[in-house]
């Protein structure tokens, strides 16, 4: 089995879109049978992050590359997860 694909979600609390993004990532990863390791980062915990991301959260990085802002596209995510899992 391949190593989990690292996913970073820049978010804030509370954030319904952020919660939905994480649920979508987990669901798509399960369906695609690609293991993921999801790390969440609260942008409000760091002034630099808050300035960088502002209201554009969630921002989702797949294997270090920014893939999504605000909404996660399931079909794009499947491809990104498969590509990342094959390169590890």
PDB file of N, CA and C in Angstrom:
ATOM      1  N   UNK A   1       0.846  -1.183   0.000  1.00  0.00           N
ATOM      2  CA  UNK A   1       0.000   0.000   0.000  1.00  0.00           C
ATOM      3  C   UNK A   1       0.890   1.245   0.000  1.00  0.00           C
ATOM      4  N   UNK A   2       0.492   2.246  -0.768  1.00  0.00           N
ATOM      5  CA  UNK A   2       1.301   3.450  -0.867  1.00  0.00           C
ATOM      6  C   UNK A   2       1.158   4.307   0.391  1.00  0.00           C
ATOM      7  N   UNK A   3       2.119   5.210   0.554  1.00  0.00           N
ATOM      8  CA  UNK A   3       2.073   6.146   1.676  1.00  0.00           C
ATOM      9  C   UNK A   3       0.863   7.052   1.530  1.00  0.00           C
ATOM     10  N   UNK A   4       0.329   7.537   2.648  1.00  0.00           N
ATOM     11  CA  UNK A   4      -0.803   8.475   2.558  1.00  0.00           C
ATOM     12  C   UNK A   4      -0.403   9.754   1.820  1.00  0.00           C
ATOM     13  N   UNK A   5      -1.320  10.276   1.049  1.00  0.00           N
ATOM     14  CA  UNK A   5      -1.106  11.539   0.357  1.00  0.00           C
ATOM     15  C   UNK A   5      -1.303  12.669   1.374  1.00  0.00           C
ATOM     16  N   UNK A   6      -0.303  13.552   1.515  1.00  0.00           N
ATOM     17  CA  UNK A   6      -0.465  14.652   2.470  1.00  0.00           C
ATOM     18  C   UNK A   6      -1.426  15.714   1.928  1.00  0.00           C
ATOM     19  N   UNK A   7      -2.407  16.055   2.740  1.00  0.00           N
ATOM     20  CA  UNK A   7      -3.390  17.087   2.401  1.00  0.00           C
ATOM     21  C   UNK A   7      -3.308  18.147   3.499  1.00  0.00           C
ATOM     22  N   UNK A   8      -3.207  19.400   3.109  1.00  0.00           N
ATOM     23  CA  UNK A   8      -3.248  20.489   4.069  1.00  0.00           C
ATOM     24  C   UNK A   8      -4.468  21.344   3.756  1.00  0.00           C
ATOM     25  N   UNK A   9      -5.272  21.602   4.780  1.00  0.00           N
ATOM     26  CA  UNK A   9      -6.462  22.439   4.616  1.00  0.00           C
ATOM     27  C   UNK A   9      -6.279  23.678   5.490  1.00  0.00           C
ATOM     28  N   UNK A  10      -6.131  24.814   4.827  1.00  0.00           N
ATOM     29  CA  UNK A  10      -6.098  26.085   5.543  1.00  0.00           C
ATOM     30  C   UNK A  10      -7.537  26.503   5.767  1.00  0.00           C
ATOM     31  N   UNK A  11      -7.902  26.708   7.029  1.00  0.00           N
ATOM     32  CA  UNK A  11      -9.297  26.933   7.392  1.00  0.00           C
ATOM     33  C   UNK A  11      -9.397  27.926   8.528  1.00  0.00           C
ATOM     34  N   UNK A  12     -10.624  28.220   8.906  1.00  0.00           N
ATOM     35  CA  UNK A  12     -10.869  28.994  10.126  1.00  0.00           C
ATOM     36  C   UNK A  12     -12.051  28.352  10.833  1.00  0.00           C
ATOM     37  N   UNK A  13     -12.233  28.727  12.089  1.00  0.00           N
ATOM     38  CA  UNK A  13     -13.322  28.173  12.904  1.00  0.00           C
ATOM     39  C   UNK A  13     -14.228  29.318  13.320  1.00  0.00           C
ATOM     40  N   UNK A  14     -15.510  29.232  13.224  1.00  0.00           N
ATOM     41  CA  UNK A  14     -16.232  28.195  12.485  1.00  0.00           C
ATOM     42  C   UNK A  14     -16.212  28.504  10.991  1.00  0.00           C
ATOM     43  N   UNK A  15     -16.362  27.457  10.189  1.00  0.00           N
ATOM     44  CA  UNK A  15     -16.357  27.620   8.741  1.00  0.00           C
ATOM     45  C   UNK A  15     -17.047  26.405   8.133  1.00  0.00           C
ATOM     46  N   UNK A  16     -18.299  26.590   7.733  1.00  0.00           N
ATOM     47  CA  UNK A  16     -19.068  25.476   7.171  1.00  0.00           C
ATOM     48  C   UNK A  16     -18.436  24.945   5.893  1.00  0.00           C
ATOM     49  N   UNK A  17     -17.939  25.843   5.032  1.00  0.00           N
ATOM     50  CA  UNK A  17     -17.286  25.400   3.796  1.00  0.00           C
ATOM     51  C   UNK A  17     -16.032  24.588   4.095  1.00  0.00           C
ATOM     52  N   UNK A  18     -15.321  24.959   5.153  1.00  0.00           N
ATOM     53  CA  UNK A  18     -14.113  24.231   5.542  1.00  0.00           C
ATOM     54  C   UNK A  18     -14.457  22.812   5.992  1.00  0.00           C
ATOM     55  N   UNK A  19     -15.493  22.699   6.804  1.00  0.00           N
ATOM     56  CA  UNK A  19     -15.939  21.390   7.268  1.00  0.00           C
ATOM     57  C   UNK A  19     -16.389  20.534   6.091  1.00  0.00           C
ATOM     58  N   UNK A  20     -17.144  21.129   5.172  1.00  0.00           N
ATOM     59  CA  UNK A  20     -17.595  20.396   3.977  1.00  0.00           C
ATOM     60  C   UNK A  20     -16.407  19.942   3.132  1.00  0.00           C
ATOM     61  N   UNK A  21     -15.392  20.794   2.997  1.00  0.00           N
ATOM     62  CA  UNK A  21     -14.215  20.432   2.205  1.00  0.00           C
ATOM     63  C   UNK A  21     -13.522  19.210   2.793  1.00  0.00           C
ATOM     64  N   UNK A  22     -13.358  19.193   4.110  1.00  0.00           N
ATOM     65  CA  UNK A  22     -12.695  18.060   4.759  1.00  0.00           C
ATOM     66  C   UNK A  22     -13.518  16.789   4.588  1.00  0.00           C
ATOM     67  N   UNK A  23     -14.830  16.893   4.750  1.00  0.00           N
ATOM     68  CA  UNK A  23     -15.697  15.726   4.554  1.00  0.00           C
ATOM     69  C   UNK A  23     -15.618  15.223   3.115  1.00  0.00           C
ATOM     70  N   UNK A  24     -15.577  16.134   2.158  1.00  0.00           N
ATOM     71  CA  UNK A  24     -15.467  15.751   0.747  1.00  0.00           C
ATOM     72  C   UNK A  24     -14.145  15.035   0.490  1.00  0.00           C
ATOM     73  N   UNK A  25     -13.060  15.576   1.035  1.00  0.00           N
ATOM     74  CA  UNK A  25     -11.748  14.949   0.853  1.00  0.00           C
ATOM     75  C   UNK A  25     -11.763  13.533   1.411  1.00  0.00           C
ATOM     76  N   UNK A  26     -12.291  13.357   2.622  1.00  0.00           N
ATOM     77  CA  UNK A  26     -12.332  12.026   3.244  1.00  0.00           C
ATOM     78  C   UNK A  26     -13.181  11.069   2.410  1.00  0.00           C
ATOM     79  N   UNK A  27     -14.319  11.533   1.934  1.00  0.00           N
ATOM     80  CA  UNK A  27     -15.224  10.691   1.149  1.00  0.00           C
ATOM     81  C   UNK A  27     -14.594  10.285  -0.180  1.00  0.00           C
ATOM     82  N   UNK A  28     -14.013  11.250  -0.877  1.00  0.00           N
ATOM     83  CA  UNK A  28     -13.401  10.964  -2.176  1.00  0.00           C
ATOM     84  C   UNK A  28     -12.201  10.031  -2.004  1.00  0.00           C
ATOM     85  N   UNK A  29     -11.392  10.263  -0.973  1.00  0.00           N
ATOM     86  CA  UNK A  29     -10.229   9.412  -0.726  1.00  0.00           C
ATOM     87  C   UNK A  29     -10.667   7.975  -0.442  1.00  0.00           C
ATOM     88  N   UNK A  30     -11.731   7.812   0.356  1.00  0.00           N
ATOM     89  CA  UNK A  30     -12.252   6.469   0.632  1.00  0.00           C
ATOM     90  C   UNK A  30     -12.732   5.805  -0.652  1.00  0.00           C
ATOM     91  N   UNK A  31     -13.495   6.525  -1.454  1.00  0.00           N
ATOM     92  CA  UNK A  31     -14.035   5.975  -2.700  1.00  0.00           C
ATOM     93  C   UNK A  31     -12.919   5.590  -3.673  1.00  0.00           C
ATOM     94  N   UNK A  32     -11.880   6.423  -3.731  1.00  0.00           N
ATOM     95  CA  UNK A  32     -10.770   6.175  -4.649  1.00  0.00           C
ATOM     96  C   UNK A  32      -9.754   5.191  -4.068  1.00  0.00           C
ATOM     97  N   UNK A  33      -9.966   4.816  -2.802  1.00  0.00           N
ATOM     98  CA  UNK A  33      -9.063   3.911  -2.099  1.00  0.00           C
ATOM     99  C   UNK A  33      -7.631   4.442  -2.078  1.00  0.00           C
ATOM    100  N   UNK A  34      -7.534   5.757  -1.824  1.00  0.00           N
ATOM    101  CA  UNK A  34      -6.233   6.414  -1.702  1.00  0.00           C
ATOM    102  C   UNK A  34      -6.114   6.916  -0.266  1.00  0.00           C
ATOM    103  N   UNK A  35      -5.126   6.423   0.477  1.00  0.00           N
ATOM    104  CA  UNK A  35      -4.967   6.893   1.849  1.00  0.00           C
ATOM    105  C   UNK A  35      -4.503   8.349   1.875  1.00  0.00           C
ATOM    106  N   UNK A  36      -5.052   9.113   2.803  1.00  0.00           N
ATOM    107  CA  UNK A  36      -4.670  10.518   2.941  1.00  0.00           C
ATOM    108  C   UNK A  36      -4.316  10.819   4.389  1.00  0.00           C
ATOM    109  N   UNK A  37      -3.483  11.821   4.553  1.00  0.00           N
ATOM    110  CA  UNK A  37      -3.127  12.333   5.872  1.00  0.00           C
ATOM    111  C   UNK A  37      -3.498  13.814   5.852  1.00  0.00           C
ATOM    112  N   UNK A  38      -4.612  14.154   6.505  1.00  0.00           N
ATOM    113  CA  UNK A  38      -5.142  15.518   6.463  1.00  0.00           C
ATOM    114  C   UNK A  38      -4.646  16.314   7.660  1.00  0.00           C
ATOM    115  N   UNK A  39      -4.009  17.438   7.363  1.00  0.00           N
ATOM    116  CA  UNK A  39      -3.584  18.386   8.388  1.00  0.00           C
ATOM    117  C   UNK A  39      -4.414  19.648   8.197  1.00  0.00           C
ATOM    118  N   UNK A  40      -4.973  20.156   9.290  1.00  0.00           N
ATOM    119  CA  UNK A  40      -5.710  21.417   9.194  1.00  0.00           C
ATOM    120  C   UNK A  40      -4.909  22.512   9.880  1.00  0.00           C
ATOM    121  N   UNK A  41      -4.938  23.691   9.271  1.00  0.00           N
ATOM    122  CA  UNK A  41      -4.226  24.845   9.804  1.00  0.00           C
ATOM    123  C   UNK A  41      -5.236  25.979   9.934  1.00  0.00           C
ATOM    124  N   UNK A  42      -5.377  26.501  11.153  1.00  0.00           N
ATOM    125  CA  UNK A  42      -6.294  27.606  11.396  1.00  0.00           C
ATOM    126  C   UNK A  42      -5.604  28.905  10.997  1.00  0.00           C
ATOM    127  N   UNK A  43      -6.085  29.555   9.938  1.00  0.00           N
ATOM    128  CA  UNK A  43      -5.426  30.765   9.445  1.00  0.00           C
ATOM    129  C   UNK A  43      -5.500  31.905  10.449  1.00  0.00           C
ATOM    130  N   UNK A  44      -6.476  31.858  11.345  1.00  0.00           N
ATOM    131  CA  UNK A  44      -6.602  32.925  12.337  1.00  0.00           C
ATOM    132  C   UNK A  44      -5.566  32.809  13.453  1.00  0.00           C
ATOM    133  N   UNK A  45      -4.824  31.696  13.479  1.00  0.00           N
ATOM    134  CA  UNK A  45      -3.816  31.501  14.518  1.00  0.00           C
ATOM    135  C   UNK A  45      -2.502  32.208  14.177  1.00  0.00           C
ATOM    136  N   UNK A  46      -2.399  32.721  12.946  1.00  0.00           N
ATOM    137  CA  UNK A  46      -1.155  33.336  12.505  1.00  0.00           C
ATOM    138  C   UNK A  46      -1.487  34.555  11.639  1.00  0.00           C
ATOM    139  N   UNK A  47      -1.035  35.746  12.044  1.00  0.00           N
ATOM    140  CA  UNK A  47      -1.365  36.954  11.277  1.00  0.00           C
ATOM    141  C   UNK A  47      -0.933  36.878   9.812  1.00  0.00           C
ATOM    142  N   UNK A  48       0.218  36.242   9.539  1.00  0.00           N
ATOM    143  CA  UNK A  48       0.680  36.120   8.151  1.00  0.00           C
ATOM    144  C   UNK A  48      -0.265  35.246   7.330  1.00  0.00           C
ATOM    145  N   UNK A  49      -0.708  34.141   7.927  1.00  0.00           N
ATOM    146  CA  UNK A  49      -1.650  33.263   7.218  1.00  0.00           C
ATOM    147  C   UNK A  49      -2.987  33.956   7.019  1.00  0.00           C
ATOM    148  N   UNK A  50      -3.437  34.679   8.037  1.00  0.00           N
ATOM    149  CA  UNK A  50      -4.708  35.387   7.937  1.00  0.00           C
ATOM    150  C   UNK A  50      -4.647  36.403   6.794  1.00  0.00           C
ATOM    151  N   UNK A  51      -3.509  37.096   6.683  1.00  0.00           N
ATOM    152  CA  UNK A  51      -3.347  38.074   5.603  1.00  0.00           C
ATOM    153  C   UNK A  51      -3.251  37.376   4.242  1.00  0.00           C
ATOM    154  N   UNK A  52      -2.540  36.262   4.180  1.00  0.00           N
ATOM    155  CA  UNK A  52      -2.343  35.550   2.907  1.00  0.00           C
ATOM    156  C   UNK A  52      -3.645  34.972   2.375  1.00  0.00           C
ATOM    157  N   UNK A  53      -4.425  34.335   3.254  1.00  0.00           N
ATOM    158  CA  UNK A  53      -5.622  33.617   2.795  1.00  0.00           C
ATOM    159  C   UNK A  53      -6.913  34.408   2.972  1.00  0.00           C
ATOM    160  N   UNK A  54      -6.944  35.347   3.913  1.00  0.00           N
ATOM    161  CA  UNK A  54      -8.131  36.181   4.091  1.00  0.00           C
ATOM    162  C   UNK A  54      -9.413  35.373   4.159  1.00  0.00           C
ATOM    163  N   UNK A  55     -10.364  35.732   3.300  1.00  0.00           N
ATOM    164  CA  UNK A  55     -11.654  35.031   3.268  1.00  0.00           C
ATOM    165  C   UNK A  55     -11.691  33.929   2.216  1.00  0.00           C
ATOM    166  N   UNK A  56     -10.554  33.568   1.648  1.00  0.00           N
ATOM    167  CA  UNK A  56     -10.530  32.560   0.582  1.00  0.00           C
ATOM    168  C   UNK A  56     -10.435  31.133   1.123  1.00  0.00           C
ATOM    169  N   UNK A  57     -10.815  30.916   2.358  1.00  0.00           N
ATOM    170  CA  UNK A  57     -10.731  29.569   2.925  1.00  0.00           C
ATOM    171  C   UNK A  57     -12.014  28.800   2.649  1.00  0.00           C
ATOM    172  N   UNK A  58     -11.942  27.498   2.545  1.00  0.00           N
ATOM    173  CA  UNK A  58     -10.721  26.715   2.710  1.00  0.00           C
ATOM    174  C   UNK A  58      -9.816  26.776   1.479  1.00  0.00           C
ATOM    175  N   UNK A  59      -8.525  26.650   1.737  1.00  0.00           N
ATOM    176  CA  UNK A  59      -7.540  26.457   0.681  1.00  0.00           C
ATOM    177  C   UNK A  59      -6.955  25.076   0.924  1.00  0.00           C
ATOM    178  N   UNK A  60      -6.984  24.237  -0.126  1.00  0.00           N
ATOM    179  CA  UNK A  60      -6.575  22.847   0.020  1.00  0.00           C
ATOM    180  C   UNK A  60      -5.328  22.580  -0.814  1.00  0.00           C
ATOM    181  N   UNK A  61      -4.286  22.073  -0.140  1.00  0.00           N
ATOM    182  CA  UNK A  61      -3.066  21.652  -0.819  1.00  0.00           C
ATOM    183  C   UNK A  61      -3.036  20.138  -0.855  1.00  0.00           C
ATOM    184  N   UNK A  62      -2.758  19.591  -2.021  1.00  0.00           N
ATOM    185  CA  UNK A  62      -2.602  18.150  -2.191  1.00  0.00           C
ATOM    186  C   UNK A  62      -1.140  17.907  -2.516  1.00  0.00           C
ATOM    187  N   UNK A  63      -0.466  17.185  -1.641  1.00  0.00           N
ATOM    188  CA  UNK A  63       0.955  16.873  -1.812  1.00  0.00           C
ATOM    189  C   UNK A  63       1.774  18.144  -2.023  1.00  0.00           C
ATOM    190  N   UNK A  64       1.412  19.209  -1.269  1.00  0.00           N
ATOM    191  CA  UNK A  64       2.171  20.453  -1.297  1.00  0.00           C
ATOM    192  C   UNK A  64       1.761  21.455  -2.357  1.00  0.00           C
ATOM    193  N   UNK A  65       0.866  21.049  -3.281  1.00  0.00           N
ATOM    194  CA  UNK A  65       0.433  21.951  -4.350  1.00  0.00           C
ATOM    195  C   UNK A  65      -0.985  22.441  -4.079  1.00  0.00           C
ATOM    196  N   UNK A  66      -1.204  23.749  -4.218  1.00  0.00           N
ATOM    197  CA  UNK A  66      -2.541  24.302  -4.035  1.00  0.00           C
ATOM    198  C   UNK A  66      -3.453  23.778  -5.130  1.00  0.00           C
ATOM    199  N   UNK A  67      -4.537  23.108  -4.724  1.00  0.00           N
ATOM    200  CA  UNK A  67      -5.482  22.538  -5.684  1.00  0.00           C
ATOM    201  C   UNK A  67      -6.819  23.254  -5.679  1.00  0.00           C
ATOM    202  N   UNK A  68      -7.263  23.720  -4.508  1.00  0.00           N
ATOM    203  CA  UNK A  68      -8.610  24.275  -4.410  1.00  0.00           C
ATOM    204  C   UNK A  68      -8.641  25.477  -3.489  1.00  0.00           C
ATOM    205  N   UNK A  69      -9.512  26.419  -3.822  1.00  0.00           N
ATOM    206  CA  UNK A  69      -9.838  27.525  -2.931  1.00  0.00           C
ATOM    207  C   UNK A  69     -11.353  27.573  -2.827  1.00  0.00           C
ATOM    208  N   UNK A  70     -11.858  27.643  -1.631  1.00  0.00           N
ATOM    209  CA  UNK A  70     -13.271  27.768  -1.277  1.00  0.00           C
ATOM    210  C   UNK A  70     -14.049  26.474  -1.508  1.00  0.00           C
ATOM    211  N   UNK A  71     -14.035  25.924  -2.721  1.00  0.00           N
ATOM    212  CA  UNK A  71     -14.785  24.692  -2.996  1.00  0.00           C
ATOM    213  C   UNK A  71     -13.845  23.597  -3.499  1.00  0.00           C
ATOM    214  N   UNK A  72     -14.154  22.345  -3.135  1.00  0.00           N
ATOM    215  CA  UNK A  72     -13.384  21.195  -3.600  1.00  0.00           C
ATOM    216  C   UNK A  72     -14.181  20.511  -4.706  1.00  0.00           C
ATOM    217  N   UNK A  73     -13.565  20.389  -5.875  1.00  0.00           N
ATOM    218  CA  UNK A  73     -14.176  19.696  -7.005  1.00  0.00           C
ATOM    219  C   UNK A  73     -13.810  18.212  -6.907  1.00  0.00           C
ATOM    220  N   UNK A  74     -14.828  17.370  -6.720  1.00  0.00           N
ATOM    221  CA  UNK A  74     -14.570  15.954  -6.467  1.00  0.00           C
ATOM    222  C   UNK A  74     -13.816  15.272  -7.604  1.00  0.00           C
ATOM    223  N   UNK A  75     -14.184  15.551  -8.857  1.00  0.00           N
ATOM    224  CA  UNK A  75     -13.521  14.872  -9.978  1.00  0.00           C
ATOM    225  C   UNK A  75     -12.065  15.307 -10.105  1.00  0.00           C
ATOM    226  N   UNK A  76     -11.787  16.581  -9.861  1.00  0.00           N
ATOM    227  CA  UNK A  76     -10.399  17.057  -9.888  1.00  0.00           C
ATOM    228  C   UNK A  76      -9.618  16.445  -8.732  1.00  0.00           C
ATOM    229  N   UNK A  77     -10.258  16.332  -7.576  1.00  0.00           N
ATOM    230  CA  UNK A  77      -9.594  15.761  -6.401  1.00  0.00           C
ATOM    231  C   UNK A  77      -9.201  14.312  -6.642  1.00  0.00           C
ATOM    232  N   UNK A  78     -10.069  13.535  -7.251  1.00  0.00           N
ATOM    233  CA  UNK A  78      -9.742  12.130  -7.537  1.00  0.00           C
ATOM    234  C   UNK A  78      -8.458  12.050  -8.351  1.00  0.00           C
ATOM    235  N   UNK A  79      -8.372  12.849  -9.407  1.00  0.00           N
ATOM    236  CA  UNK A  79      -7.169  12.847 -10.239  1.00  0.00           C
ATOM    237  C   UNK A  79      -5.939  13.280  -9.475  1.00  0.00           C
ATOM    238  N   UNK A  80      -6.073  14.314  -8.659  1.00  0.00           N
ATOM    239  CA  UNK A  80      -4.939  14.814  -7.885  1.00  0.00           C
ATOM    240  C   UNK A  80      -4.450  13.769  -6.883  1.00  0.00           C
ATOM    241  N   UNK A  81      -5.398  13.092  -6.228  1.00  0.00           N
ATOM    242  CA  UNK A  81      -5.030  12.045  -5.257  1.00  0.00           C
ATOM    243  C   UNK A  81      -4.326  10.885  -5.952  1.00  0.00           C
ATOM    244  N   UNK A  82      -4.859  10.471  -7.087  1.00  0.00           N
ATOM    245  CA  UNK A  82      -4.242   9.343  -7.813  1.00  0.00           C
ATOM    246  C   UNK A  82      -2.851   9.711  -8.311  1.00  0.00           C
ATOM    247  N   UNK A  83      -2.712  10.927  -8.850  1.00  0.00           N
ATOM    248  CA  UNK A  83      -1.398  11.371  -9.308  1.00  0.00           C
ATOM    249  C   UNK A  83      -0.409  11.407  -8.157  1.00  0.00           C
ATOM    250  N   UNK A  84      -0.816  11.967  -7.024  1.00  0.00           N
ATOM    251  CA  UNK A  84       0.065  12.099  -5.865  1.00  0.00           C
ATOM    252  C   UNK A  84       0.416  10.729  -5.295  1.00  0.00           C
ATOM    253  N   UNK A  85      -0.543   9.808  -5.272  1.00  0.00           N
ATOM    254  CA  UNK A  85      -0.267   8.491  -4.690  1.00  0.00           C
ATOM    255  C   UNK A  85       0.686   7.679  -5.562  1.00  0.00           C
ATOM    256  N   UNK A  86       0.671   7.930  -6.856  1.00  0.00           N
ATOM    257  CA  UNK A  86       1.577   7.199  -7.758  1.00  0.00           C
ATOM    258  C   UNK A  86       2.979   7.765  -7.728  1.00  0.00           C
ATOM    259  N   UNK A  87       3.129   9.032  -7.310  1.00  0.00           N
ATOM    260  CA  UNK A  87       4.456   9.646  -7.304  1.00  0.00           C
ATOM    261  C   UNK A  87       5.188   9.419  -5.995  1.00  0.00           C
ATOM    262  N   UNK A  88       4.507   8.835  -4.984  1.00  0.00           N
ATOM    263  CA  UNK A  88       5.176   8.603  -3.701  1.00  0.00           C
ATOM    264  C   UNK A  88       5.818   7.246  -3.657  1.00  0.00           C
TER     265      UNK A  88
END
